[in-house]
Protein backbone atom coordinates (compact mmCIF):
# COMPACT_ATOMS: atom_id res chain seq x y z
CA MET A 1 162.15 118.14 -8.40
CA ALA A 2 158.86 120.17 -7.65
CA GLU A 3 155.76 118.22 -6.66
CA ALA A 4 153.19 117.64 -9.45
CA LYS A 5 149.77 118.82 -8.18
CA ALA A 6 146.64 116.53 -8.54
CA GLY A 7 144.53 117.47 -11.39
CA ARG A 8 147.48 118.92 -13.50
CA PRO A 9 147.52 117.19 -16.92
CA GLY A 10 150.35 114.50 -16.46
CA ALA A 11 150.17 114.52 -12.60
CA PRO A 12 149.59 111.49 -10.78
CA PRO A 13 146.15 110.61 -9.56
CA ASP A 14 145.30 111.84 -5.67
CA VAL A 15 143.51 109.71 -3.16
CA ALA A 16 140.18 110.83 -4.48
CA GLU A 17 140.90 110.21 -7.95
CA LEU A 18 141.90 106.57 -7.09
CA THR A 19 139.10 106.48 -4.73
CA ALA A 20 136.48 107.16 -7.71
CA ARG A 21 138.46 104.56 -9.92
CA ALA A 22 138.87 101.77 -7.58
CA GLU A 23 135.05 102.09 -6.61
CA ALA A 24 134.12 101.95 -10.33
CA LEU A 25 136.30 98.73 -10.54
CA VAL A 26 134.30 96.82 -7.76
CA PRO A 27 131.28 95.68 -10.13
CA VAL A 28 133.55 94.74 -12.81
CA LEU A 29 135.74 92.72 -10.54
CA ARG A 30 133.01 90.93 -9.14
CA GLU A 31 131.82 89.83 -12.36
CA ARG A 32 135.65 88.41 -13.26
CA ALA A 33 135.82 86.99 -9.83
CA ALA A 34 134.91 83.38 -10.61
CA ARG A 35 137.28 83.51 -13.73
CA ALA A 36 140.21 84.67 -11.96
CA GLU A 37 139.71 81.48 -9.65
CA GLU A 38 139.12 79.26 -13.07
CA LEU A 39 142.57 80.74 -14.55
CA ARG A 40 144.19 80.62 -10.59
CA ARG A 41 145.79 83.99 -11.79
CA LEU A 42 143.97 87.52 -12.50
CA PRO A 43 142.90 87.69 -16.15
CA GLU A 44 145.09 90.03 -17.99
CA GLU A 45 142.42 92.48 -18.21
CA THR A 46 142.47 92.99 -14.51
CA ILE A 47 146.24 93.69 -14.48
CA ALA A 48 145.65 96.00 -17.12
CA ASP A 49 142.94 97.75 -15.29
CA LEU A 50 145.06 98.16 -12.13
CA HIS A 51 147.89 99.77 -14.33
CA ARG A 52 145.31 101.99 -16.43
CA THR A 53 143.70 103.16 -12.90
CA GLY A 54 147.09 103.77 -11.04
CA LEU A 55 146.47 101.62 -8.44
CA PHE A 56 149.71 99.78 -8.70
CA ARG A 57 151.49 102.90 -8.27
CA ILE A 58 149.80 104.36 -5.14
CA LEU A 59 152.92 104.18 -2.96
CA GLN A 60 155.63 104.91 -5.47
CA PRO A 61 157.59 107.75 -5.50
CA ARG A 62 156.41 110.88 -7.38
CA ARG A 63 159.84 111.33 -8.96
CA VAL A 64 159.15 108.36 -11.31
CA GLY A 65 155.46 109.16 -11.54
CA GLY A 66 153.91 107.41 -8.78
CA SER A 67 151.44 108.91 -6.76
CA GLU A 68 153.41 108.57 -3.47
CA LEU A 69 150.07 108.80 -1.25
CA PRO A 70 150.24 108.62 2.56
CA PHE A 71 150.62 104.98 3.94
CA ARG A 72 147.11 104.77 5.13
CA SER A 73 145.81 104.58 1.50
CA ILE A 74 146.98 100.91 0.97
CA VAL A 75 144.92 100.02 3.39
CA GLU A 76 141.69 101.93 2.00
CA LEU A 77 142.28 101.39 -1.53
CA VAL A 78 142.74 97.70 -1.26
CA ALA A 79 139.68 97.26 0.72
CA ILE A 80 137.79 99.00 -1.60
CA ILE A 81 139.26 96.64 -4.21
CA GLY A 82 138.48 93.24 -1.89
CA GLY A 83 134.83 94.48 -2.03
CA GLY A 84 134.69 93.20 -5.56
CA CYS A 85 137.20 90.33 -5.61
CA GLY A 86 139.91 89.15 -2.72
CA SER A 87 142.24 87.70 -5.25
CA THR A 88 142.77 90.89 -7.01
CA ALA A 89 143.10 92.88 -3.69
CA TRP A 90 145.61 90.18 -2.59
CA VAL A 91 147.68 90.97 -5.89
CA LEU A 92 147.35 94.62 -5.59
CA ALA A 93 148.26 94.99 -1.94
CA ASN A 94 151.29 92.95 -2.44
CA LEU A 95 152.69 94.45 -5.92
CA ALA A 96 151.71 97.82 -4.72
CA ALA A 97 153.72 97.33 -1.43
CA HIS A 98 156.66 96.27 -3.37
CA HIS A 99 157.10 99.82 -5.04
CA TRP A 100 157.01 101.26 -1.67
CA LEU A 101 159.94 98.88 -0.58
CA LEU A 102 161.62 99.42 -3.87
CA GLY A 103 161.87 102.97 -2.82
CA MET A 104 164.24 101.96 0.03
CA TRP A 105 166.74 100.69 -2.11
CA GLN A 106 170.02 102.11 -3.38
CA GLN A 107 169.10 104.62 -6.32
CA GLN A 108 170.80 102.08 -8.88
CA ALA A 109 168.49 99.65 -8.16
CA GLN A 110 165.29 102.01 -8.44
CA ASP A 111 166.61 103.32 -11.77
CA GLU A 112 167.59 100.01 -13.19
CA ILE A 113 163.93 98.83 -12.71
CA TRP A 114 161.86 101.83 -12.71
CA GLY A 115 164.02 103.19 -15.44
CA GLU A 116 163.35 100.46 -17.90
CA ASN A 117 159.99 101.04 -17.20
CA PRO A 118 158.18 102.66 -14.33
CA ASP A 119 155.16 100.23 -14.61
CA ASN A 120 157.14 97.27 -14.09
CA LEU A 121 155.56 95.07 -11.49
CA ILE A 122 157.64 93.34 -8.52
CA GLY A 123 156.86 90.16 -6.93
CA SER A 124 158.27 88.88 -3.89
CA ALA A 125 159.13 85.64 -2.24
CA LEU A 126 160.21 86.42 1.51
CA VAL A 127 159.98 83.03 3.14
CA PHE A 128 163.63 83.68 4.31
CA PRO A 129 164.87 80.18 5.42
CA ARG A 130 164.04 78.89 2.17
CA GLY A 131 166.90 80.36 0.46
CA ARG A 132 170.81 80.62 1.22
CA ALA A 133 173.34 83.37 -0.21
CA ARG A 134 176.89 83.67 -0.09
CA LYS A 135 179.25 86.67 -0.37
CA VAL A 136 181.37 86.60 -3.34
CA PRO A 137 183.07 89.43 -5.01
CA GLY A 138 180.81 92.19 -5.79
CA GLY A 139 177.82 90.39 -4.32
CA TYR A 140 176.09 87.13 -3.70
CA ARG A 141 175.25 83.81 -5.18
CA LEU A 142 171.51 83.03 -4.30
CA SER A 143 170.01 79.42 -4.48
CA GLY A 144 166.68 78.14 -3.02
CA ARG A 145 163.10 77.67 -3.89
CA TRP A 146 160.27 79.56 -2.32
CA PRO A 147 156.59 79.54 -2.05
CA PHE A 148 153.47 82.13 -2.32
CA SER A 149 155.14 84.52 -4.98
CA SER A 150 151.85 86.14 -5.36
CA GLY A 151 151.25 87.61 -8.89
CA VAL A 152 154.44 86.27 -10.19
CA ASP A 153 153.02 85.74 -13.67
CA SER A 154 152.88 89.65 -14.14
CA ALA A 155 155.85 90.55 -12.49
CA SER A 156 159.13 91.65 -14.32
CA TRP A 157 161.22 91.35 -11.33
CA ASN A 158 160.87 89.63 -7.57
CA MET A 159 162.22 90.31 -4.19
CA ILE A 160 163.64 86.95 -2.92
CA GLY A 161 164.35 86.50 0.77
CA ALA A 162 167.29 84.57 1.97
CA ILE A 163 169.41 83.75 4.88
CA VAL A 164 173.18 84.77 4.41
CA ASN A 165 175.81 82.84 6.13
CA ASP A 166 178.64 84.72 7.59
CA GLU A 167 181.53 82.49 7.19
CA ASP A 168 183.70 84.90 9.29
CA SER A 169 181.54 85.14 12.28
CA GLY A 170 179.64 81.94 11.95
CA GLY A 171 176.22 83.89 12.28
CA THR A 172 173.52 84.56 9.62
CA GLN A 173 171.54 87.45 8.17
CA PRO A 174 168.52 87.68 6.54
CA ARG A 175 168.40 89.69 3.05
CA ILE A 176 166.14 90.68 0.20
CA PHE A 177 167.55 90.19 -3.30
CA LEU A 178 166.26 91.58 -6.49
CA LEU A 179 166.10 89.33 -9.50
CA PRO A 180 165.03 89.91 -12.89
CA ALA A 181 162.24 87.32 -14.26
CA SER A 182 165.04 85.64 -16.38
CA ASP A 183 167.12 85.02 -13.08
CA TYR A 184 164.31 82.65 -11.52
CA GLN A 185 161.92 79.68 -12.21
CA VAL A 186 158.28 79.99 -11.84
CA ILE A 187 156.83 76.33 -10.66
CA ASP A 188 153.00 76.30 -10.90
CA THR A 189 151.85 74.80 -7.50
CA TRP A 190 149.10 77.20 -7.07
CA HIS A 191 145.86 74.78 -6.50
CA VAL A 192 144.33 76.13 -3.52
CA ILE A 193 140.75 76.83 -1.98
CA GLY A 194 140.93 80.22 -1.14
CA LEU A 195 142.55 83.34 -2.81
CA ALA A 196 142.63 81.02 -5.76
CA GLY A 197 142.87 83.92 -8.44
CA THR A 198 146.40 85.03 -6.83
CA GLY A 199 148.62 83.14 -8.91
CA SER A 200 150.93 82.61 -5.83
CA LYS A 201 153.56 80.22 -7.39
CA ASP A 202 156.57 78.79 -6.49
CA VAL A 203 159.68 80.41 -7.92
CA ALA A 204 163.11 78.83 -7.58
CA VAL A 205 166.97 80.04 -8.10
CA GLU A 206 170.04 77.90 -8.90
CA ASP A 207 173.12 79.85 -8.03
CA VAL A 208 172.59 83.11 -9.25
CA PHE A 209 174.77 86.01 -8.70
CA VAL A 210 173.04 89.16 -7.49
CA PRO A 211 175.17 92.23 -7.38
CA GLU A 212 175.69 94.10 -4.26
CA TYR A 213 173.29 97.03 -5.18
CA ARG A 214 170.39 95.04 -5.65
CA THR A 215 170.30 93.20 -2.37
CA LEU A 216 169.35 94.85 1.06
CA ALA A 217 169.31 93.69 4.66
CA VAL A 218 166.35 93.06 6.45
CA ASP A 219 167.32 95.58 9.41
CA GLN A 220 167.85 98.48 6.71
CA ILE A 221 164.26 98.47 6.38
CA ALA A 222 163.23 98.49 9.96
CA GLY A 223 162.96 102.18 10.09
CA GLY A 224 164.78 105.45 9.52
CA PRO A 225 166.77 106.47 7.06
CA ASN A 226 167.74 103.86 4.59
CA PRO A 227 169.59 103.50 1.27
CA GLY A 228 167.13 105.14 -0.65
CA SER A 229 166.62 108.03 1.50
CA THR A 230 169.15 110.15 -0.56
CA VAL A 231 166.58 110.19 -3.51
CA ASN A 232 163.08 109.29 -1.52
CA PRO A 233 163.60 111.46 1.69
CA ALA A 234 159.79 111.49 2.30
CA VAL A 235 158.40 109.84 5.64
CA LEU A 236 156.68 107.28 3.38
CA TYR A 237 160.07 105.50 2.84
CA GLN A 238 161.43 105.79 6.19
CA LEU A 239 158.69 103.89 7.88
CA PRO A 240 159.34 100.48 9.79
CA ALA A 241 158.43 98.19 6.82
CA ILE A 242 158.76 95.00 8.58
CA SER A 243 156.30 96.13 11.34
CA LEU A 244 153.64 97.72 9.29
CA PHE A 245 153.54 95.37 6.27
CA ALA A 246 150.77 93.36 7.81
CA PHE A 247 148.33 96.50 7.25
CA CYS A 248 148.87 96.40 3.58
CA ILE A 249 147.21 92.97 3.59
CA ALA A 250 144.99 93.18 6.55
CA GLY A 251 143.34 95.64 3.95
CA VAL A 252 142.27 92.59 1.69
CA SER A 253 140.45 91.03 4.82
CA LEU A 254 138.82 94.21 5.44
CA GLY A 255 137.72 94.69 2.06
CA ILE A 256 136.48 90.96 1.81
CA ALA A 257 134.60 91.64 5.15
CA GLN A 258 133.06 94.95 3.83
CA GLY A 259 131.61 93.33 0.61
CA ALA A 260 130.10 90.36 2.44
CA ILE A 261 128.63 92.99 4.75
CA ALA A 262 127.16 94.91 1.90
CA HIS A 263 125.86 91.76 0.04
CA PHE A 264 124.13 90.36 3.07
CA ALA A 265 122.49 93.43 3.97
CA GLU A 266 121.26 93.91 0.38
CA THR A 267 120.18 90.59 -0.45
CA THR A 268 118.52 90.05 2.96
CA ARG A 269 116.15 92.78 2.70
CA THR A 270 113.85 91.15 0.45
CA ARG A 271 114.79 87.94 0.98
CA LEU A 272 111.70 85.33 2.12
CA SER A 273 112.35 82.65 4.64
CA ALA A 274 112.20 79.29 2.36
CA TYR A 275 110.30 77.38 5.31
CA THR A 276 107.94 80.10 6.82
CA GLY A 277 107.65 82.77 3.99
CA ARG A 278 108.52 85.52 6.09
CA ASN A 279 110.71 88.27 5.43
CA LEU A 280 114.38 87.59 6.81
CA ALA A 281 114.94 91.19 7.47
CA ASP A 282 112.22 90.96 10.48
CA PHE A 283 114.33 88.26 12.00
CA ASN A 284 116.00 89.73 15.05
CA THR A 285 118.84 87.22 15.22
CA LEU A 286 119.71 88.43 11.38
CA GLN A 287 119.70 91.74 12.41
CA VAL A 288 122.01 91.11 15.15
CA HIS A 289 124.50 89.04 13.41
CA LEU A 290 124.44 92.09 10.39
CA ALA A 291 125.09 94.61 13.57
CA GLU A 292 128.09 92.46 15.15
CA ALA A 293 129.89 91.82 11.51
CA ALA A 294 129.63 95.53 10.54
CA ALA A 295 131.11 96.55 14.00
CA TYR A 296 133.85 94.02 13.59
CA ALA A 297 134.61 95.61 10.30
CA ASP A 298 134.48 99.10 11.42
CA ALA A 299 136.46 98.55 14.77
CA ALA A 300 139.30 96.40 12.24
CA ARG A 301 139.33 99.74 10.03
CA ALA A 302 139.52 102.15 12.85
CA ILE A 303 142.68 100.14 14.69
CA MET A 304 144.35 99.71 11.19
CA LEU A 305 144.00 103.44 9.97
CA GLY A 306 144.71 104.54 13.75
CA ASP A 307 148.02 102.82 13.71
CA CYS A 308 149.30 103.81 10.44
CA ASP A 309 148.58 107.48 11.27
CA GLU A 310 150.45 107.09 14.45
CA ALA A 311 153.47 105.36 12.61
CA THR A 312 153.37 108.38 10.11
CA ARG A 313 153.03 110.90 12.84
CA ILE A 314 155.87 109.63 14.79
CA VAL A 315 158.62 109.06 11.79
CA GLY A 316 157.48 112.67 10.43
CA GLU A 317 158.55 113.96 13.71
CA GLY A 318 161.87 112.65 13.52
CA ALA A 319 161.53 109.58 16.15
CA MET A 320 160.95 106.12 15.74
CA PRO A 321 158.21 103.91 16.82
CA GLN A 322 159.60 101.86 19.92
CA LEU A 323 159.60 98.17 20.21
CA GLU A 324 156.32 98.23 21.89
CA GLN A 325 154.67 100.23 19.41
CA ARG A 326 156.08 98.25 16.77
CA ALA A 327 155.03 95.08 18.55
CA ARG A 328 151.22 96.61 18.99
CA TYR A 329 151.38 97.28 15.15
CA ARG A 330 152.17 93.63 14.43
CA ARG A 331 149.62 92.31 16.89
CA ASP A 332 147.05 94.74 15.63
CA GLY A 333 147.29 93.82 11.98
CA ALA A 334 146.63 90.13 13.11
CA PHE A 335 144.01 90.69 15.26
CA ALA A 336 142.02 93.36 12.56
CA ALA A 337 142.21 90.60 10.14
CA THR A 338 140.83 88.29 12.72
CA MET A 339 137.86 90.34 13.57
CA CYS A 340 137.19 90.50 9.50
CA THR A 341 137.26 87.04 9.41
CA LYS A 342 134.51 86.47 12.32
CA ALA A 343 132.48 89.15 10.59
CA VAL A 344 132.42 87.05 7.48
CA ASP A 345 131.87 83.70 9.47
CA LEU A 346 128.79 85.34 11.11
CA LEU A 347 127.40 86.06 8.03
CA PHE A 348 128.27 82.62 6.35
CA THR A 349 126.28 81.10 9.31
CA ALA A 350 123.36 83.67 9.10
CA THR A 351 122.85 82.94 5.37
CA GLY A 352 122.26 79.24 5.68
CA GLY A 353 122.32 76.64 3.17
CA GLY A 354 122.26 79.01 0.13
CA ALA A 355 125.57 80.43 1.14
CA ILE A 356 127.08 76.70 0.20
CA TYR A 357 126.16 77.09 -3.34
CA ALA A 358 129.20 77.91 -5.61
CA ARG A 359 127.34 80.61 -7.23
CA HIS A 360 126.77 82.44 -3.89
CA PRO A 361 129.45 85.09 -3.04
CA LEU A 362 129.63 84.50 0.52
CA GLN A 363 131.15 80.99 -0.08
CA ARG A 364 134.05 82.68 -2.02
CA ALA A 365 134.47 85.44 0.80
CA PHE A 366 134.77 82.71 3.46
CA ARG A 367 137.33 80.62 1.45
CA ASP A 368 139.22 83.97 0.51
CA ILE A 369 139.32 85.20 4.08
CA HIS A 370 140.20 82.35 5.87
CA ALA A 371 143.14 81.93 3.21
CA ALA A 372 144.16 85.49 3.89
CA ASN A 373 144.67 84.90 7.66
CA ALA A 374 146.76 82.17 6.93
CA HIS A 375 149.68 84.60 5.99
CA TYR A 376 152.73 84.91 8.87
CA VAL A 377 151.65 88.34 9.38
CA LEU A 378 148.21 87.92 9.70
CA ASN A 379 148.29 84.71 12.18
CA TRP A 380 146.65 85.99 15.25
CA ASP A 381 148.75 82.92 17.41
CA ILE A 382 152.02 84.15 16.08
CA ASN A 383 151.67 87.71 16.22
CA GLY A 384 149.87 87.86 19.54
CA ALA A 385 152.41 85.79 21.12
CA MET A 386 155.04 88.22 19.95
CA TYR A 387 153.34 91.19 21.47
CA GLY A 388 152.58 89.56 24.76
CA ARG A 389 156.57 88.60 25.20
CA VAL A 390 157.64 92.26 24.43
CA ALA A 391 155.04 93.34 27.02
CA MET A 392 156.33 91.42 29.58
CA GLY A 393 159.72 92.14 28.82
CA LEU A 394 161.05 89.40 26.75
CA SER A 395 162.81 89.36 23.68
CA PRO A 396 160.20 89.29 20.61
CA ASP A 397 161.97 86.45 18.89
CA ALA A 398 161.47 87.87 15.59
CA THR A 399 162.61 90.49 13.34
CA PHE A 400 161.29 93.91 13.83
C-alpha cells in the first residue's frame, strides 16, 4: 500500500500538524484539569478531542489510517499535552503506546481490533505477577486482578500481563493477553493524590479463555522482527519496546515540568512580594531557581530524544541495541523523569505559600509529577540499579 502524503485529503496528520493541534489543546486542557480530578478520569470532551486531533493514533500503522510517526514523536507530543494537563498526557501516552504495541502482534489480532474500529482504544494492566495463565488447547485460561489500568473507562480492549506456568519444564514465562472489555471487570479503586484524572482503576479476570493469536510473549517485543512484521515492517515496530517504554511516559513528566516553568516565568514577571512590595523578578534567588529548573527540563528532553533517535538509527541499520545500551535507555528514562521532578520541586518551593492553594497550578504539577515517578519504569532506584548491574558485568535481573 502506498504511503499517504501529508496534506492530501484523507491523509493522516504529520508531525507539524499534530504539533499545532496539540498546542491548540493546551489552554483547553488547562481549564479542564480540575474537572478531570473531580471525575477521577478524563472528561468525555477530552477523549473526543484526542480522537478528533489524531493524537491517539500517532504511532498506529499507516495501513489502518494511523500517522506512524517516528518514535521520538510520542515524547514530543505527550510533553506538549502535559503542559496543559498531566492526567490527559498520561492517558494519551499509554493509549497511544498501545497502538504501537499492537502493531507488533499477529495480523489476526490487529485486524480484529482495528478492523472493528481503527479508533478502538486499548488499555493495559501489565503488572505481570498479579495474573496467572495456563496453556489449554487453542490458547490460554487467564485469571487475576491488576491495578493501574489508565484510561480504562474509555478502552474497548485491554493488554493484560500474566505469568504462564510451563507444566512440562516447571518454568515460567511472562505473556501479554488481549481481552475485549466484555472479558474483564473494572473495579473503581482510583482515589489518589496525583494524576487523579487518569482513571487508573483495577481490572479483574476470572478464568477467561484467550485464543493463541491474542497472546504475545514478552521476549517477542524485545526488539527485531516480531509477529507483526509481516504487515508492519517499518523500523518503528521493530524497536525494543520493553527498553524504550519509559520514554513514552517520561514525556508526561517533561510536559508537566515545562508547563510549570512557563507558568512560573509568566506569573513572576509582574508579581510583587507580599512582605517587601518589590518585584519578585528582581530577586536573584528566583532567577537562579528558574534557570536551574529550565536546565533540568532541557537536559531531560535532550537525553530522551537522543536515545529515541539512537535506537531508531540502530534498528534501521539492521542491528539491535546491545544490552548495555538497552540498560542505558531504562536508566535515562528514569533519570530524565527525576530531573523533571527536581525542576517542579524547585519552582514549587520558590513560589512560597501561594503554591499550596488548590487554585494554584503548581500544586497540581507537584502532585502529578511525583505520582508519575512512582511508575516502575520511571523509578530511579530500580532503573539506576539495573544499569549499574549491567555496567559491572552482572545480569540485569529484569526483562529487557
